[in-house]
Every structure is written in C-alpha cells, then in structure tokens.
PDB file of N, CA and C in Angstrom:
ATOM      1  N   UNK A   1     116.108 150.925 -28.971  1.00  0.00           N
ATOM      2  CA  UNK A   1     116.145 149.472 -28.933  1.00  0.00           C
ATOM      3  C   UNK A   1     115.092 148.940 -29.903  1.00  0.00           C
ATOM      4  N   UNK A   2     115.494 147.942 -30.658  1.00  0.00           N
ATOM      5  CA  UNK A   2     114.560 147.291 -31.573  1.00  0.00           C
ATOM      6  C   UNK A   2     114.424 145.831 -31.156  1.00  0.00           C
ATOM      7  N   UNK A   3     113.182 145.421 -30.932  1.00  0.00           N
ATOM      8  CA  UNK A   3     112.882 144.057 -30.523  1.00  0.00           C
ATOM      9  C   UNK A   3     112.082 143.408 -31.641  1.00  0.00           C
ATOM     10  N   UNK A   4     112.530 142.230 -32.061  1.00  0.00           N
ATOM     11  CA  UNK A   4     111.820 141.507 -33.111  1.00  0.00           C
ATOM     12  C   UNK A   4     111.305 140.175 -32.577  1.00  0.00           C
ATOM     13  N   UNK A   5     110.080 139.875 -32.971  1.00  0.00           N
ATOM     14  CA  UNK A   5     109.480 138.580 -32.676  1.00  0.00           C
ATOM     15  C   UNK A   5     109.473 137.825 -34.004  1.00  0.00           C
ATOM     16  N   UNK A   6     110.200 136.719 -34.047  1.00  0.00           N
ATOM     17  CA  UNK A   6     110.266 135.930 -35.271  1.00  0.00           C
ATOM     18  C   UNK A   6     109.316 134.745 -35.164  1.00  0.00           C
ATOM     19  N   UNK A   7     108.469 134.571 -36.171  1.00  0.00           N
ATOM     20  CA  UNK A   7     107.559 133.442 -36.183  1.00  0.00           C
ATOM     21  C   UNK A   7     106.482 133.606 -37.224  1.00  0.00           C
ATOM     22  N   UNK A   8     105.677 132.569 -37.358  1.00  0.00           N
ATOM     23  CA  UNK A   8     104.650 132.533 -38.399  1.00  0.00           C
ATOM     24  C   UNK A   8     103.414 133.353 -38.061  1.00  0.00           C
ATOM     25  N   UNK A   9     103.335 133.828 -36.823  1.00  0.00           N
ATOM     26  CA  UNK A   9     102.127 134.544 -36.397  1.00  0.00           C
ATOM     27  C   UNK A   9     101.187 133.631 -35.615  1.00  0.00           C
ATOM     28  N   UNK A  10     101.701 132.485 -35.201  1.00  0.00           N
ATOM     29  CA  UNK A  10     100.911 131.511 -34.446  1.00  0.00           C
ATOM     30  C   UNK A  10     100.625 132.020 -33.033  1.00  0.00           C
ATOM     31  N   UNK A  11      99.839 131.240 -32.303  1.00  0.00           N
ATOM     32  CA  UNK A  11      99.469 131.622 -30.940  1.00  0.00           C
ATOM     33  C   UNK A  11     100.707 131.842 -30.058  1.00  0.00           C
ATOM     34  N   UNK A  12     101.697 130.963 -30.165  1.00  0.00           N
ATOM     35  CA  UNK A  12     102.913 131.112 -29.355  1.00  0.00           C
ATOM     36  C   UNK A  12     103.650 132.406 -29.686  1.00  0.00           C
ATOM     37  N   UNK A  13     103.676 132.763 -30.973  1.00  0.00           N
ATOM     38  CA  UNK A  13     104.344 134.007 -31.386  1.00  0.00           C
ATOM     39  C   UNK A  13     103.615 135.216 -30.814  1.00  0.00           C
ATOM     40  N   UNK A  14     102.292 135.170 -30.853  1.00  0.00           N
ATOM     41  CA  UNK A  14     101.494 136.273 -30.310  1.00  0.00           C
ATOM     42  C   UNK A  14     101.681 136.387 -28.797  1.00  0.00           C
ATOM     43  N   UNK A  15     101.750 135.244 -28.115  1.00  0.00           N
ATOM     44  CA  UNK A  15     101.958 135.241 -26.664  1.00  0.00           C
ATOM     45  C   UNK A  15     103.318 135.831 -26.325  1.00  0.00           C
ATOM     46  N   UNK A  16     104.346 135.459 -27.084  1.00  0.00           N
ATOM     47  CA  UNK A  16     105.682 136.016 -26.857  1.00  0.00           C
ATOM     48  C   UNK A  16     105.676 137.526 -27.075  1.00  0.00           C
ATOM     49  N   UNK A  17     104.978 137.985 -28.099  1.00  0.00           N
ATOM     50  CA  UNK A  17     104.886 139.431 -28.364  1.00  0.00           C
ATOM     51  C   UNK A  17     104.192 140.137 -27.200  1.00  0.00           C
ATOM     52  N   UNK A  18     103.099 139.565 -26.715  1.00  0.00           N
ATOM     53  CA  UNK A  18     102.374 140.163 -25.581  1.00  0.00           C
ATOM     54  C   UNK A  18     103.245 140.186 -24.330  1.00  0.00           C
ATOM     55  N   UNK A  19     103.944 139.090 -24.056  1.00  0.00           N
ATOM     56  CA  UNK A  19     104.809 139.018 -22.878  1.00  0.00           C
ATOM     57  C   UNK A  19     105.963 140.012 -22.982  1.00  0.00           C
ATOM     58  N   UNK A  20     106.448 140.219 -24.195  1.00  0.00           N
ATOM     59  CA  UNK A  20     107.530 141.186 -24.412  1.00  0.00           C
ATOM     60  C   UNK A  20     107.040 142.605 -24.114  1.00  0.00           C
ATOM     61  N   UNK A  21     105.824 142.912 -24.548  1.00  0.00           N
ATOM     62  CA  UNK A  21     105.245 144.235 -24.263  1.00  0.00           C
ATOM     63  C   UNK A  21     105.120 144.462 -22.760  1.00  0.00           C
ATOM     64  N   UNK A  22     104.692 143.434 -22.033  1.00  0.00           N
ATOM     65  CA  UNK A  22     104.572 143.525 -20.571  1.00  0.00           C
ATOM     66  C   UNK A  22     105.936 143.775 -19.949  1.00  0.00           C
ATOM     67  N   UNK A  23     106.946 143.030 -20.400  1.00  0.00           N
ATOM     68  CA  UNK A  23     108.302 143.169 -19.849  1.00  0.00           C
ATOM     69  C   UNK A  23     108.870 144.559 -20.131  1.00  0.00           C
ATOM     70  N   UNK A  24     108.650 145.070 -21.324  1.00  0.00           N
ATOM     71  CA  UNK A  24     109.142 146.414 -21.661  1.00  0.00           C
ATOM     72  C   UNK A  24     108.471 147.467 -20.800  1.00  0.00           C
ATOM     73  N   UNK A  25     107.175 147.286 -20.551  1.00  0.00           N
ATOM     74  CA  UNK A  25     106.446 148.235 -19.703  1.00  0.00           C
ATOM     75  C   UNK A  25     106.991 148.201 -18.275  1.00  0.00           C
ATOM     76  N   UNK A  26     107.263 146.992 -17.779  1.00  0.00           N
ATOM     77  CA  UNK A  26     107.800 146.835 -16.418  1.00  0.00           C
ATOM     78  C   UNK A  26     109.160 147.506 -16.266  1.00  0.00           C
ATOM     79  N   UNK A  27     109.985 147.396 -17.293  1.00  0.00           N
ATOM     80  CA  UNK A  27     111.342 147.947 -17.199  1.00  0.00           C
ATOM     81  C   UNK A  27     111.384 149.432 -17.553  1.00  0.00           C
ATOM     82  N   UNK A  28     110.331 149.911 -18.182  1.00  0.00           N
ATOM     83  CA  UNK A  28     110.297 151.314 -18.579  1.00  0.00           C
ATOM     84  C   UNK A  28     111.145 151.612 -19.806  1.00  0.00           C
ATOM     85  N   UNK A  29     111.578 150.564 -20.487  1.00  0.00           N
ATOM     86  CA  UNK A  29     112.396 150.756 -21.681  1.00  0.00           C
ATOM     87  C   UNK A  29     111.525 151.117 -22.880  1.00  0.00           C
ATOM     88  N   UNK A  30     112.066 151.967 -23.732  1.00  0.00           N
ATOM     89  CA  UNK A  30     111.375 152.350 -24.947  1.00  0.00           C
ATOM     90  C   UNK A  30     111.936 151.514 -26.080  1.00  0.00           C
ATOM     91  N   UNK A  31     111.072 150.742 -26.721  1.00  0.00           N
ATOM     92  CA  UNK A  31     111.544 149.873 -27.798  1.00  0.00           C
ATOM     93  C   UNK A  31     110.487 149.762 -28.877  1.00  0.00           C
ATOM     94  N   UNK A  32     110.961 149.571 -30.078  1.00  0.00           N
ATOM     95  CA  UNK A  32     110.076 149.310 -31.200  1.00  0.00           C
ATOM     96  C   UNK A  32     109.970 147.793 -31.335  1.00  0.00           C
ATOM     97  N   UNK A  33     108.736 147.295 -31.407  1.00  0.00           N
ATOM     98  CA  UNK A  33     108.526 145.852 -31.565  1.00  0.00           C
ATOM     99  C   UNK A  33     108.127 145.584 -33.015  1.00  0.00           C
ATOM    100  N   UNK A  34     108.871 144.691 -33.638  1.00  0.00           N
ATOM    101  CA  UNK A  34     108.612 144.326 -35.034  1.00  0.00           C
ATOM    102  C   UNK A  34     108.342 142.832 -35.094  1.00  0.00           C
ATOM    103  N   UNK A  35     107.249 142.462 -35.753  1.00  0.00           N
ATOM    104  CA  UNK A  35     106.950 141.045 -35.947  1.00  0.00           C
ATOM    105  C   UNK A  35     107.459 140.640 -37.326  1.00  0.00           C
ATOM    106  N   UNK A  36     108.286 139.609 -37.350  1.00  0.00           N
ATOM    107  CA  UNK A  36     108.870 139.118 -38.600  1.00  0.00           C
ATOM    108  C   UNK A  36     108.251 137.758 -38.899  1.00  0.00           C
ATOM    109  N   UNK A  37     107.524 137.670 -40.027  1.00  0.00           N
ATOM    110  CA  UNK A  37     106.867 136.418 -40.380  1.00  0.00           C
ATOM    111  C   UNK A  37     107.431 135.795 -41.656  1.00  0.00           C
ATOM    112  N   UNK A  38     108.316 136.514 -42.337  1.00  0.00           N
ATOM    113  CA  UNK A  38     108.919 136.013 -43.561  1.00  0.00           C
ATOM    114  C   UNK A  38     109.989 134.965 -43.227  1.00  0.00           C
ATOM    115  N   UNK A  39     109.788 133.744 -43.716  1.00  0.00           N
ATOM    116  CA  UNK A  39     110.688 132.658 -43.332  1.00  0.00           C
ATOM    117  C   UNK A  39     112.106 132.844 -43.865  1.00  0.00           C
ATOM    118  N   UNK A  40     112.272 133.516 -44.984  1.00  0.00           N
ATOM    119  CA  UNK A  40     113.621 133.790 -45.480  1.00  0.00           C
ATOM    120  C   UNK A  40     114.369 134.682 -44.490  1.00  0.00           C
ATOM    121  N   UNK A  41     113.662 135.700 -43.981  1.00  0.00           N
ATOM    122  CA  UNK A  41     114.279 136.613 -43.013  1.00  0.00           C
ATOM    123  C   UNK A  41     114.552 135.899 -41.684  1.00  0.00           C
ATOM    124  N   UNK A  42     113.619 135.051 -41.258  1.00  0.00           N
ATOM    125  CA  UNK A  42     113.807 134.288 -40.020  1.00  0.00           C
ATOM    126  C   UNK A  42     115.029 133.379 -40.139  1.00  0.00           C
ATOM    127  N   UNK A  43     115.153 132.705 -41.264  1.00  0.00           N
ATOM    128  CA  UNK A  43     116.283 131.794 -41.471  1.00  0.00           C
ATOM    129  C   UNK A  43     117.608 132.554 -41.541  1.00  0.00           C
ATOM    130  N   UNK A  44     117.569 133.803 -41.967  1.00  0.00           N
ATOM    131  CA  UNK A  44     118.788 134.617 -42.021  1.00  0.00           C
ATOM    132  C   UNK A  44     119.372 134.835 -40.625  1.00  0.00           C
ATOM    133  N   UNK A  45     118.526 134.725 -39.585  1.00  0.00           N
ATOM    134  CA  UNK A  45     119.006 134.831 -38.203  1.00  0.00           C
ATOM    135  C   UNK A  45     119.545 133.499 -37.697  1.00  0.00           C
ATOM    136  N   UNK A  46     119.417 132.444 -38.490  1.00  0.00           N
ATOM    137  CA  UNK A  46     119.883 131.127 -38.078  1.00  0.00           C
ATOM    138  C   UNK A  46     118.914 130.426 -37.146  1.00  0.00           C
ATOM    139  N   UNK A  47     117.685 130.917 -37.108  1.00  0.00           N
ATOM    140  CA  UNK A  47     116.668 130.355 -36.213  1.00  0.00           C
ATOM    141  C   UNK A  47     115.934 129.233 -36.940  1.00  0.00           C
ATOM    142  N   UNK A  48     115.902 128.061 -36.315  1.00  0.00           N
ATOM    143  CA  UNK A  48     115.222 126.917 -36.917  1.00  0.00           C
ATOM    144  C   UNK A  48     113.905 126.595 -36.216  1.00  0.00           C
ATOM    145  N   UNK A  49     113.709 127.123 -35.015  1.00  0.00           N
ATOM    146  CA  UNK A  49     112.434 126.894 -34.323  1.00  0.00           C
ATOM    147  C   UNK A  49     111.939 128.219 -33.760  1.00  0.00           C
ATOM    148  N   UNK A  50     110.660 128.442 -33.938  1.00  0.00           N
ATOM    149  CA  UNK A  50     110.044 129.693 -33.492  1.00  0.00           C
ATOM    150  C   UNK A  50     109.074 129.397 -32.355  1.00  0.00           C
ATOM    151  N   UNK A  51     108.670 130.382 -31.595  1.00  0.00           N
ATOM    152  CA  UNK A  51     108.987 131.794 -31.762  1.00  0.00           C
ATOM    153  C   UNK A  51     110.398 132.116 -31.289  1.00  0.00           C
ATOM    154  N   UNK A  52     110.918 133.210 -31.808  1.00  0.00           N
ATOM    155  CA  UNK A  52     112.246 133.662 -31.407  1.00  0.00           C
ATOM    156  C   UNK A  52     112.183 135.133 -31.034  1.00  0.00           C
ATOM    157  N   UNK A  53     113.073 135.520 -30.131  1.00  0.00           N
ATOM    158  CA  UNK A  53     113.153 136.900 -29.671  1.00  0.00           C
ATOM    159  C   UNK A  53     114.522 137.445 -30.049  1.00  0.00           C
ATOM    160  N   UNK A  54     114.515 138.588 -30.746  1.00  0.00           N
ATOM    161  CA  UNK A  54     115.751 139.225 -31.200  1.00  0.00           C
ATOM    162  C   UNK A  54     115.777 140.638 -30.626  1.00  0.00           C
ATOM    163  N   UNK A  55     116.866 140.980 -29.950  1.00  0.00           N
ATOM    164  CA  UNK A  55     117.015 142.327 -29.392  1.00  0.00           C
ATOM    165  C   UNK A  55     118.234 142.960 -30.037  1.00  0.00           C
ATOM    166  N   UNK A  56     117.996 144.099 -30.694  1.00  0.00           N
ATOM    167  CA  UNK A  56     119.075 144.809 -31.400  1.00  0.00           C
ATOM    168  C   UNK A  56     119.902 143.861 -32.260  1.00  0.00           C
ATOM    169  N   UNK A  57     119.205 143.071 -33.066  1.00  0.00           N
ATOM    170  CA  UNK A  57     119.789 142.151 -34.049  1.00  0.00           C
ATOM    171  C   UNK A  57     120.541 140.967 -33.444  1.00  0.00           C
ATOM    172  N   UNK A  58     120.361 140.709 -32.144  1.00  0.00           N
ATOM    173  CA  UNK A  58     120.973 139.540 -31.501  1.00  0.00           C
ATOM    174  C   UNK A  58     119.869 138.593 -31.049  1.00  0.00           C
ATOM    175  N   UNK A  59     119.935 137.341 -31.501  1.00  0.00           N
ATOM    176  CA  UNK A  59     118.954 136.337 -31.094  1.00  0.00           C
ATOM    177  C   UNK A  59     119.212 135.992 -29.633  1.00  0.00           C
ATOM    178  N   UNK A  60     118.208 136.228 -28.776  1.00  0.00           N
ATOM    179  CA  UNK A  60     118.375 135.964 -27.345  1.00  0.00           C
ATOM    180  C   UNK A  60     117.558 134.766 -26.878  1.00  0.00           C
ATOM    181  N   UNK A  61     116.607 134.331 -27.708  1.00  0.00           N
ATOM    182  CA  UNK A  61     115.808 133.157 -27.345  1.00  0.00           C
ATOM    183  C   UNK A  61     115.118 132.623 -28.596  1.00  0.00           C
ATOM    184  N   UNK A  62     114.965 131.301 -28.647  1.00  0.00           N
ATOM    185  CA  UNK A  62     114.193 130.713 -29.744  1.00  0.00           C
ATOM    186  C   UNK A  62     113.613 129.382 -29.298  1.00  0.00           C
ATOM    187  N   UNK A  63     112.476 129.036 -29.903  1.00  0.00           N
ATOM    188  CA  UNK A  63     111.858 127.747 -29.642  1.00  0.00           C
ATOM    189  C   UNK A  63     111.037 127.660 -28.377  1.00  0.00           C
ATOM    190  N   UNK A  64     110.858 128.788 -27.680  1.00  0.00           N
ATOM    191  CA  UNK A  64     110.029 128.742 -26.475  1.00  0.00           C
ATOM    192  C   UNK A  64     109.369 130.097 -26.239  1.00  0.00           C
ATOM    193  N   UNK A  65     108.269 130.033 -25.498  1.00  0.00           N
ATOM    194  CA  UNK A  65     107.546 131.249 -25.142  1.00  0.00           C
ATOM    195  C   UNK A  65     108.032 131.690 -23.763  1.00  0.00           C
ATOM    196  N   UNK A  66     108.772 132.775 -23.748  1.00  0.00           N
ATOM    197  CA  UNK A  66     109.298 133.294 -22.485  1.00  0.00           C
ATOM    198  C   UNK A  66     108.201 134.007 -21.695  1.00  0.00           C
ATOM    199  N   UNK A  67     108.291 133.892 -20.387  1.00  0.00           N
ATOM    200  CA  UNK A  67     107.394 134.630 -19.501  1.00  0.00           C
ATOM    201  C   UNK A  67     107.932 136.062 -19.368  1.00  0.00           C
ATOM    202  N   UNK A  68     107.057 137.023 -19.030  1.00  0.00           N
ATOM    203  CA  UNK A  68     107.525 138.402 -18.883  1.00  0.00           C
ATOM    204  C   UNK A  68     108.739 138.542 -17.966  1.00  0.00           C
ATOM    205  N   UNK A  69     108.748 137.785 -16.852  1.00  0.00           N
ATOM    206  CA  UNK A  69     109.864 137.862 -15.903  1.00  0.00           C
ATOM    207  C   UNK A  69     111.181 137.432 -16.551  1.00  0.00           C
ATOM    208  N   UNK A  70     111.132 136.402 -17.394  1.00  0.00           N
ATOM    209  CA  UNK A  70     112.336 135.934 -18.096  1.00  0.00           C
ATOM    210  C   UNK A  70     112.826 136.989 -19.092  1.00  0.00           C
ATOM    211  N   UNK A  71     111.893 137.649 -19.748  1.00  0.00           N
ATOM    212  CA  UNK A  71     112.254 138.688 -20.714  1.00  0.00           C
ATOM    213  C   UNK A  71     112.877 139.882 -19.994  1.00  0.00           C
ATOM    214  N   UNK A  72     112.342 140.231 -18.821  1.00  0.00           N
ATOM    215  CA  UNK A  72     112.921 141.322 -18.023  1.00  0.00           C
ATOM    216  C   UNK A  72     114.373 141.011 -17.692  1.00  0.00           C
ATOM    217  N   UNK A  73     114.668 139.764 -17.318  1.00  0.00           N
ATOM    218  CA  UNK A  73     116.044 139.368 -16.997  1.00  0.00           C
ATOM    219  C   UNK A  73     116.954 139.529 -18.212  1.00  0.00           C
ATOM    220  N   UNK A  74     116.461 139.177 -19.387  1.00  0.00           N
ATOM    221  CA  UNK A  74     117.250 139.337 -20.618  1.00  0.00           C
ATOM    222  C   UNK A  74     117.463 140.812 -20.901  1.00  0.00           C
ATOM    223  N   UNK A  75     116.416 141.603 -20.765  1.00  0.00           N
ATOM    224  CA  UNK A  75     116.522 143.054 -21.013  1.00  0.00           C
ATOM    225  C   UNK A  75     117.526 143.708 -20.076  1.00  0.00           C
ATOM    226  N   UNK A  76     117.546 143.254 -18.835  1.00  0.00           N
ATOM    227  CA  UNK A  76     118.500 143.812 -17.866  1.00  0.00           C
ATOM    228  C   UNK A  76     119.943 143.555 -18.299  1.00  0.00           C
ATOM    229  N   UNK A  77     120.183 142.417 -18.949  1.00  0.00           N
ATOM    230  CA  UNK A  77     121.539 142.068 -19.388  1.00  0.00           C
ATOM    231  C   UNK A  77     121.971 142.862 -20.617  1.00  0.00           C
ATOM    232  N   UNK A  78     121.020 143.185 -21.485  1.00  0.00           N
ATOM    233  CA  UNK A  78     121.393 143.804 -22.765  1.00  0.00           C
ATOM    234  C   UNK A  78     121.387 145.334 -22.739  1.00  0.00           C
ATOM    235  N   UNK A  79     120.822 145.917 -21.690  1.00  0.00           N
ATOM    236  CA  UNK A  79     120.786 147.390 -21.705  1.00  0.00           C
ATOM    237  C   UNK A  79     121.996 148.005 -21.089  1.00  0.00           C
TER     238      UNK A  79
END
C-alpha cells in the first residue's frame, strides 16, 4: 500500500501525516508514506485544497485534517 500526503508541507499537512502514521500503526497495515509537495503533481490528482490523502493513487480526502480514527475507517474500506 502506498499512502501519499499532498500539500505544501504546512502544519496541517504534517498533522495529517502524523495522524496517518498513527492510523496505520493501529490497523497493523504496512504502507509506504510519501509526502508530495510539488504543486504540479498535486494538481495532477485534481486536488485544489490541501492537505489531501491519497491511498494507492485514489484521492480519499482533501481540504481537511483527518483524525486517526477517521483514517482507520477509510483504511478499513480500501483494504
């Protein structure tokens, strides 16, 4: 599983990355986390507001900082 955090590297992006790590640990899933800060690449996903969460090349959230519990619910749906 590949998880991408899309954003400029701002505080919200870092918080989303940290919350994602917590959620992955809770679920026991093995995933590579990649931070994407290049705006051309972010726009290629069709994302206009960050931070965004992408799991296996599918945008699952954008424009908000998800809590670990919310990320766990998303992970449960995609695995």
